[in-house]
Amino acid sequence: MGACKLSRRSGTAKLTASTTAGSAGTEGEVLTAHSEGAGDGDWRILDLWSDEGIPWEARIVWSGGGGALRTALVNVPKCTRLCVHATMIQVFGANLSTSANIQARAAIADGYCDTENQWTARGGISQVAAPTTVDVVPPPWAKFARLELSDNTLLSTATVELLDANATSRGEYRADQQPMPGAPIGDAATVRLTLPAGTYAYRLVFLLHL
């Protein structure tokens, strides 16, 4: 049997500005496309962008041929592309800007290509008197994680630690000595950040195998 046809190939949504700097705004549905009639699942190339070129966060949900639903969180800096095998795809979006509403868009084409994407956990710390730990759960499809600080002079006093499902430390990197492209996630259930005293913002960038 051939690839199933999809009910829609594109979608759009107006995403309102976030009310909190560093956090995504209210989520909106950008696209829902599902199979019509008989046919097998097929590889789909999904393009995501905004008219304004302002970054947003996408949550993609898909299934293929009656299988279980899969989910991915993806940053859309100006535009990005991912490829999944699917008979149904949903895209939800949230604005990362606090100053402007954006028009988020998604388009689907049949085909296959290799892609890599990113998702970012963000945080701001102000006037911290002592080092602080922050635990971050890796998103689906995470392959590497890399910590960055707005004040890079503090990198030598920050660490990235990988904890397994039993909360046992399996690896630790000083932030100024992280491997490229980042600490390998492997079987880590938690990424624990030790953040130094100071006034700065940080982000933990995950590279996705997707």
C-alpha atoms as a PDB file:
ATOM      1  CA  MET A   1       0.000   0.000   0.000  1.00  0.00           C
ATOM      2  CA  GLY A   2       1.112   3.568  -0.614  1.00  0.00           C
ATOM      3  CA  ALA A   3       1.531   6.372   1.816  1.00  0.00           C
ATOM      4  CA  CYS A   4      -1.671   7.676   3.357  1.00  0.00           C
ATOM      5  CA  LYS A   5      -2.918  11.109   2.398  1.00  0.00           C
ATOM      6  CA  LEU A   6      -3.098  13.764   5.089  1.00  0.00           C
ATOM      7  CA  SER A   7      -6.130  15.903   5.870  1.00  0.00           C
ATOM      8  CA  ARG A   8      -4.004  19.071   5.979  1.00  0.00           C
ATOM      9  CA  ARG A   9      -0.542  20.093   4.849  1.00  0.00           C
ATOM     10  CA  SER A  10      -0.146  23.449   6.604  1.00  0.00           C
ATOM     11  CA  GLY A  11      -1.406  25.435   9.545  1.00  0.00           C
ATOM     12  CA  THR A  12      -0.924  28.678  11.433  1.00  0.00           C
ATOM     13  CA  ALA A  13      -1.674  30.236  14.813  1.00  0.00           C
ATOM     14  CA  LYS A  14      -1.290  33.632  16.441  1.00  0.00           C
ATOM     15  CA  LEU A  15       0.817  33.128  19.573  1.00  0.00           C
ATOM     16  CA  THR A  16       0.454  35.800  22.230  1.00  0.00           C
ATOM     17  CA  ALA A  17       3.516  37.264  23.909  1.00  0.00           C
ATOM     18  CA  SER A  18       4.835  35.546  27.012  1.00  0.00           C
ATOM     19  CA  THR A  19       4.218  37.283  30.323  1.00  0.00           C
ATOM     20  CA  THR A  20       7.514  36.074  31.842  1.00  0.00           C
ATOM     21  CA  ALA A  21      10.980  36.601  30.400  1.00  0.00           C
ATOM     22  CA  GLY A  22      12.719  33.286  29.809  1.00  0.00           C
ATOM     23  CA  SER A  23       9.479  31.293  29.840  1.00  0.00           C
ATOM     24  CA  ALA A  24       7.187  30.265  27.000  1.00  0.00           C
ATOM     25  CA  GLY A  25       3.764  31.890  26.725  1.00  0.00           C
ATOM     26  CA  THR A  26       0.337  30.293  26.423  1.00  0.00           C
ATOM     27  CA  GLU A  27       0.311  27.305  24.085  1.00  0.00           C
ATOM     28  CA  GLY A  28      -1.796  27.364  20.924  1.00  0.00           C
ATOM     29  CA  GLU A  29      -2.573  24.772  18.240  1.00  0.00           C
ATOM     30  CA  VAL A  30      -0.726  25.443  14.995  1.00  0.00           C
ATOM     31  CA  LEU A  31      -1.613  22.332  12.974  1.00  0.00           C
ATOM     32  CA  THR A  32      -3.402  18.992  13.233  1.00  0.00           C
ATOM     33  CA  ALA A  33      -3.095  16.646  10.261  1.00  0.00           C
ATOM     34  CA  HIS A  34      -4.322  13.061  10.153  1.00  0.00           C
ATOM     35  CA  SER A  35      -4.546  10.294   7.565  1.00  0.00           C
ATOM     36  CA  GLU A  36      -7.493  10.039   5.207  1.00  0.00           C
ATOM     37  CA  GLY A  37      -8.445   6.682   3.748  1.00  0.00           C
ATOM     38  CA  ALA A  38      -6.282   3.598   3.481  1.00  0.00           C
ATOM     39  CA  GLY A  39      -2.536   3.708   3.357  1.00  0.00           C
ATOM     40  CA  ASP A  40       0.594   3.141   5.336  1.00  0.00           C
ATOM     41  CA  GLY A  41       2.454   5.754   7.319  1.00  0.00           C
ATOM     42  CA  ASP A  42       5.236   7.579   5.542  1.00  0.00           C
ATOM     43  CA  TRP A  43       8.148   9.872   6.279  1.00  0.00           C
ATOM     44  CA  ARG A  44       7.015  13.468   6.679  1.00  0.00           C
ATOM     45  CA  ILE A  45       9.204  16.573   6.560  1.00  0.00           C
ATOM     46  CA  LEU A  46       7.847  19.217   8.912  1.00  0.00           C
ATOM     47  CA  ASP A  47       8.940  22.850   8.523  1.00  0.00           C
ATOM     48  CA  LEU A  48       8.291  25.323  11.361  1.00  0.00           C
ATOM     49  CA  TRP A  49       8.760  29.111  11.294  1.00  0.00           C
ATOM     50  CA  SER A  50       7.180  32.444  12.178  1.00  0.00           C
ATOM     51  CA  ASP A  51       6.356  35.368   9.902  1.00  0.00           C
ATOM     52  CA  GLU A  52       8.197  37.732  12.229  1.00  0.00           C
ATOM     53  CA  GLY A  53      11.318  35.588  12.576  1.00  0.00           C
ATOM     54  CA  ILE A  54      10.887  35.627  16.368  1.00  0.00           C
ATOM     55  CA  PRO A  55      11.793  32.421  18.277  1.00  0.00           C
ATOM     56  CA  TRP A  56       9.054  30.195  19.627  1.00  0.00           C
ATOM     57  CA  GLU A  57       8.770  26.763  21.205  1.00  0.00           C
ATOM     58  CA  ALA A  58       7.022  23.883  19.456  1.00  0.00           C
ATOM     59  CA  ARG A  59       5.534  20.714  20.899  1.00  0.00           C
ATOM     60  CA  ILE A  60       5.093  18.072  18.206  1.00  0.00           C
ATOM     61  CA  VAL A  61       2.924  14.988  18.721  1.00  0.00           C
ATOM     62  CA  TRP A  62       2.740  12.211  16.131  1.00  0.00           C
ATOM     63  CA  SER A  63       1.848   8.566  15.581  1.00  0.00           C
ATOM     64  CA  GLY A  64       2.538   6.155  12.779  1.00  0.00           C
ATOM     65  CA  GLY A  65       0.329   3.319  11.624  1.00  0.00           C
ATOM     66  CA  GLY A  66      -1.629   2.916  14.843  1.00  0.00           C
ATOM     67  CA  GLY A  67       1.432   3.014  17.050  1.00  0.00           C
ATOM     68  CA  ALA A  68       1.817   4.873  20.324  1.00  0.00           C
ATOM     69  CA  LEU A  69       2.003   8.661  20.360  1.00  0.00           C
ATOM     70  CA  ARG A  70       5.440  10.251  20.430  1.00  0.00           C
ATOM     71  CA  THR A  71       6.258  13.776  21.577  1.00  0.00           C
ATOM     72  CA  ALA A  72       9.092  16.228  21.001  1.00  0.00           C
ATOM     73  CA  LEU A  73       9.865  19.705  22.328  1.00  0.00           C
ATOM     74  CA  VAL A  74      11.749  21.843  19.818  1.00  0.00           C
ATOM     75  CA  ASN A  75      13.044  25.413  19.656  1.00  0.00           C
ATOM     76  CA  VAL A  76      12.128  27.305  16.499  1.00  0.00           C
ATOM     77  CA  PRO A  77      14.727  30.126  16.336  1.00  0.00           C
ATOM     78  CA  LYS A  78      13.678  31.549  12.953  1.00  0.00           C
ATOM     79  CA  CYS A  79      12.808  28.329  11.188  1.00  0.00           C
ATOM     80  CA  THR A  80      13.600  24.670  11.705  1.00  0.00           C
ATOM     81  CA  ARG A  81      12.888  21.312  10.120  1.00  0.00           C
ATOM     82  CA  LEU A  82      12.348  17.814  11.470  1.00  0.00           C
ATOM     83  CA  CYS A  83      11.456  14.482   9.919  1.00  0.00           C
ATOM     84  CA  VAL A  84       9.147  11.831  11.426  1.00  0.00           C
ATOM     85  CA  HIS A  85       7.384   8.685  10.219  1.00  0.00           C
ATOM     86  CA  ALA A  86       3.716   9.420  10.783  1.00  0.00           C
ATOM     87  CA  THR A  87       0.085   9.057   9.856  1.00  0.00           C
ATOM     88  CA  MET A  88      -0.912  11.856  12.257  1.00  0.00           C
ATOM     89  CA  ILE A  89       0.955  15.023  13.264  1.00  0.00           C
ATOM     90  CA  GLN A  90      -0.006  17.784  15.687  1.00  0.00           C
ATOM     91  CA  VAL A  91       1.962  20.968  16.291  1.00  0.00           C
ATOM     92  CA  PHE A  92       1.428  23.229  19.290  1.00  0.00           C
ATOM     93  CA  GLY A  93       3.355  26.448  19.789  1.00  0.00           C
ATOM     94  CA  ALA A  94       4.233  28.934  22.534  1.00  0.00           C
ATOM     95  CA  ASN A  95       5.789  32.363  22.103  1.00  0.00           C
ATOM     96  CA  LEU A  96       9.181  33.089  23.696  1.00  0.00           C
ATOM     97  CA  SER A  97       8.985  36.876  23.189  1.00  0.00           C
ATOM     98  CA  THR A  98       7.556  39.141  25.900  1.00  0.00           C
ATOM     99  CA  SER A  99       7.134  42.111  23.572  1.00  0.00           C
ATOM    100  CA  ALA A 100       5.406  40.866  20.414  1.00  0.00           C
ATOM    101  CA  ASN A 101       2.698  38.472  19.270  1.00  0.00           C
ATOM    102  CA  ILE A 102       3.808  36.202  16.441  1.00  0.00           C
ATOM    103  CA  GLN A 103       2.255  34.239  13.597  1.00  0.00           C
ATOM    104  CA  ALA A 104       3.607  30.679  13.887  1.00  0.00           C
ATOM    105  CA  ARG A 105       3.391  28.412  10.858  1.00  0.00           C
ATOM    106  CA  ALA A 106       3.875  24.725  10.030  1.00  0.00           C
ATOM    107  CA  ALA A 107       4.002  22.894   6.686  1.00  0.00           C
ATOM    108  CA  ILE A 108       4.291  19.179   5.879  1.00  0.00           C
ATOM    109  CA  ALA A 109       5.802  17.519   2.818  1.00  0.00           C
ATOM    110  CA  ASP A 110       6.302  13.824   2.113  1.00  0.00           C
ATOM    111  CA  GLY A 111       9.936  12.780   2.086  1.00  0.00           C
ATOM    112  CA  TYR A 112      12.932  11.961   4.245  1.00  0.00           C
ATOM    113  CA  CYS A 113      15.955  13.970   5.361  1.00  0.00           C
ATOM    114  CA  ASP A 114      18.366  13.869   8.298  1.00  0.00           C
ATOM    115  CA  THR A 115      17.658  16.579  10.858  1.00  0.00           C
ATOM    116  CA  GLU A 116      18.906  17.731  14.260  1.00  0.00           C
ATOM    117  CA  ASN A 117      17.124  20.149  16.566  1.00  0.00           C
ATOM    118  CA  GLN A 118      17.462  21.797  19.955  1.00  0.00           C
ATOM    119  CA  TRP A 119      15.404  22.510  23.045  1.00  0.00           C
ATOM    120  CA  THR A 120      16.455  24.908  25.800  1.00  0.00           C
ATOM    121  CA  ALA A 121      15.762  25.116  29.536  1.00  0.00           C
ATOM    122  CA  ARG A 122      16.256  28.720  30.705  1.00  0.00           C
ATOM    123  CA  GLY A 123      16.690  30.452  34.021  1.00  0.00           C
ATOM    124  CA  GLY A 124      17.717  33.710  35.615  1.00  0.00           C
ATOM    125  CA  ILE A 125      19.438  34.108  38.968  1.00  0.00           C
ATOM    126  CA  SER A 126      19.761  37.441  40.737  1.00  0.00           C
ATOM    127  CA  GLN A 127      22.021  38.276  43.654  1.00  0.00           C
ATOM    128  CA  VAL A 128      22.540  34.690  44.786  1.00  0.00           C
ATOM    129  CA  ALA A 129      24.787  34.579  47.824  1.00  0.00           C
ATOM    130  CA  ALA A 130      25.771  30.899  47.589  1.00  0.00           C
ATOM    131  CA  PRO A 131      25.964  28.188  44.909  1.00  0.00           C
ATOM    132  CA  THR A 132      22.595  26.720  43.900  1.00  0.00           C
ATOM    133  CA  THR A 133      21.632  23.393  42.333  1.00  0.00           C
ATOM    134  CA  VAL A 134      18.960  23.081  39.657  1.00  0.00           C
ATOM    135  CA  ASP A 135      17.654  19.741  38.342  1.00  0.00           C
ATOM    136  CA  VAL A 136      16.506  19.526  34.719  1.00  0.00           C
ATOM    137  CA  VAL A 137      14.787  16.469  33.210  1.00  0.00           C
ATOM    138  CA  PRO A 138      16.098  15.827  29.680  1.00  0.00           C
ATOM    139  CA  PRO A 139      13.402  16.275  27.025  1.00  0.00           C
ATOM    140  CA  PRO A 140      12.418  13.440  24.680  1.00  0.00           C
ATOM    141  CA  TRP A 141      15.049  12.649  22.033  1.00  0.00           C
ATOM    142  CA  ALA A 142      17.839  14.471  23.929  1.00  0.00           C
ATOM    143  CA  LYS A 143      21.362  13.420  22.958  1.00  0.00           C
ATOM    144  CA  PHE A 144      23.681  16.079  24.453  1.00  0.00           C
ATOM    145  CA  ALA A 145      23.319  18.953  26.941  1.00  0.00           C
ATOM    146  CA  ARG A 146      25.431  22.098  27.200  1.00  0.00           C
ATOM    147  CA  LEU A 147      25.316  24.771  29.923  1.00  0.00           C
ATOM    148  CA  GLU A 148      25.862  28.430  29.053  1.00  0.00           C
ATOM    149  CA  LEU A 149      25.958  31.501  31.346  1.00  0.00           C
ATOM    150  CA  SER A 150      25.461  35.145  30.399  1.00  0.00           C
ATOM    151  CA  ASP A 151      28.572  35.873  32.489  1.00  0.00           C
ATOM    152  CA  ASN A 152      31.137  33.469  31.054  1.00  0.00           C
ATOM    153  CA  THR A 153      33.713  34.419  33.678  1.00  0.00           C
ATOM    154  CA  LEU A 154      31.713  32.206  36.065  1.00  0.00           C
ATOM    155  CA  LEU A 155      31.849  29.074  33.928  1.00  0.00           C
ATOM    156  CA  SER A 156      34.771  27.624  35.875  1.00  0.00           C
ATOM    157  CA  THR A 157      32.633  27.564  39.044  1.00  0.00           C
ATOM    158  CA  ALA A 158      29.578  25.907  37.444  1.00  0.00           C
ATOM    159  CA  THR A 159      29.141  22.178  36.853  1.00  0.00           C
ATOM    160  CA  VAL A 160      26.943  19.840  34.810  1.00  0.00           C
ATOM    161  CA  GLU A 161      26.252  16.499  36.509  1.00  0.00           C
ATOM    162  CA  LEU A 162      24.474  13.465  35.030  1.00  0.00           C
ATOM    163  CA  LEU A 163      22.311  11.399  37.397  1.00  0.00           C
ATOM    164  CA  ASP A 164      20.850   7.996  36.503  1.00  0.00           C
ATOM    165  CA  ALA A 165      17.353   6.701  37.336  1.00  0.00           C
ATOM    166  CA  ASN A 166      18.520   5.883  40.879  1.00  0.00           C
ATOM    167  CA  ALA A 167      19.862   9.422  41.429  1.00  0.00           C
ATOM    168  CA  THR A 168      23.432   8.101  41.278  1.00  0.00           C
ATOM    169  CA  SER A 169      25.949  10.475  39.754  1.00  0.00           C
ATOM    170  CA  ARG A 170      27.456   8.950  36.606  1.00  0.00           C
ATOM    171  CA  GLY A 171      29.437  11.895  35.305  1.00  0.00           C
ATOM    172  CA  GLU A 172      30.268  15.520  36.073  1.00  0.00           C
ATOM    173  CA  TYR A 173      31.793  18.287  33.968  1.00  0.00           C
ATOM    174  CA  ARG A 174      33.044  21.714  34.903  1.00  0.00           C
ATOM    175  CA  ALA A 175      31.160  24.125  32.653  1.00  0.00           C
ATOM    176  CA  ASP A 176      34.326  25.603  31.152  1.00  0.00           C
ATOM    177  CA  GLN A 177      35.527  22.092  30.260  1.00  0.00           C
ATOM    178  CA  GLN A 178      32.389  20.648  28.696  1.00  0.00           C
ATOM    179  CA  PRO A 179      33.011  18.436  25.670  1.00  0.00           C
ATOM    180  CA  MET A 180      31.623  19.465  22.313  1.00  0.00           C
ATOM    181  CA  PRO A 181      28.763  19.504  21.489  1.00  0.00           C
ATOM    182  CA  GLY A 182      27.922  18.939  25.171  1.00  0.00           C
ATOM    183  CA  ALA A 183      27.662  16.332  27.912  1.00  0.00           C
ATOM    184  CA  PRO A 184      26.325  13.039  26.450  1.00  0.00           C
ATOM    185  CA  ILE A 185      22.923  12.222  27.960  1.00  0.00           C
ATOM    186  CA  GLY A 186      23.254   8.432  27.699  1.00  0.00           C
ATOM    187  CA  ASP A 187      20.932   6.916  30.312  1.00  0.00           C
ATOM    188  CA  ALA A 188      20.766  10.054  32.490  1.00  0.00           C
ATOM    189  CA  ALA A 189      17.366  10.699  34.064  1.00  0.00           C
ATOM    190  CA  THR A 190      18.359  14.126  35.423  1.00  0.00           C
ATOM    191  CA  VAL A 191      20.866  16.818  34.542  1.00  0.00           C
ATOM    192  CA  ARG A 192      21.919  18.602  37.733  1.00  0.00           C
ATOM    193  CA  LEU A 193      23.408  22.067  37.421  1.00  0.00           C
ATOM    194  CA  THR A 194      25.511  23.625  40.157  1.00  0.00           C
ATOM    195  CA  LEU A 195      25.316  27.367  39.579  1.00  0.00           C
ATOM    196  CA  PRO A 196      27.641  29.887  41.252  1.00  0.00           C
ATOM    197  CA  ALA A 197      26.761  32.985  43.225  1.00  0.00           C
ATOM    198  CA  GLY A 198      26.251  36.054  41.083  1.00  0.00           C
ATOM    199  CA  THR A 199      23.755  37.902  38.915  1.00  0.00           C
ATOM    200  CA  TYR A 200      23.276  36.336  35.502  1.00  0.00           C
ATOM    201  CA  ALA A 201      20.978  34.280  33.286  1.00  0.00           C
ATOM    202  CA  TYR A 202      21.672  30.735  32.149  1.00  0.00           C
ATOM    203  CA  ARG A 203      20.459  28.226  29.627  1.00  0.00           C
ATOM    204  CA  LEU A 204      20.867  24.473  29.244  1.00  0.00           C
ATOM    205  CA  VAL A 205      20.732  23.616  25.554  1.00  0.00           C
ATOM    206  CA  PHE A 206      19.787  20.054  24.573  1.00  0.00           C
ATOM    207  CA  LEU A 207      20.762  18.709  21.172  1.00  0.00           C
ATOM    208  CA  LEU A 208      18.033  16.352  19.914  1.00  0.00           C
ATOM    209  CA  HIS A 209      18.454  13.290  17.751  1.00  0.00           C
ATOM    210  CA  LEU A 210      15.400  14.252  15.669  1.00  0.00           C
END
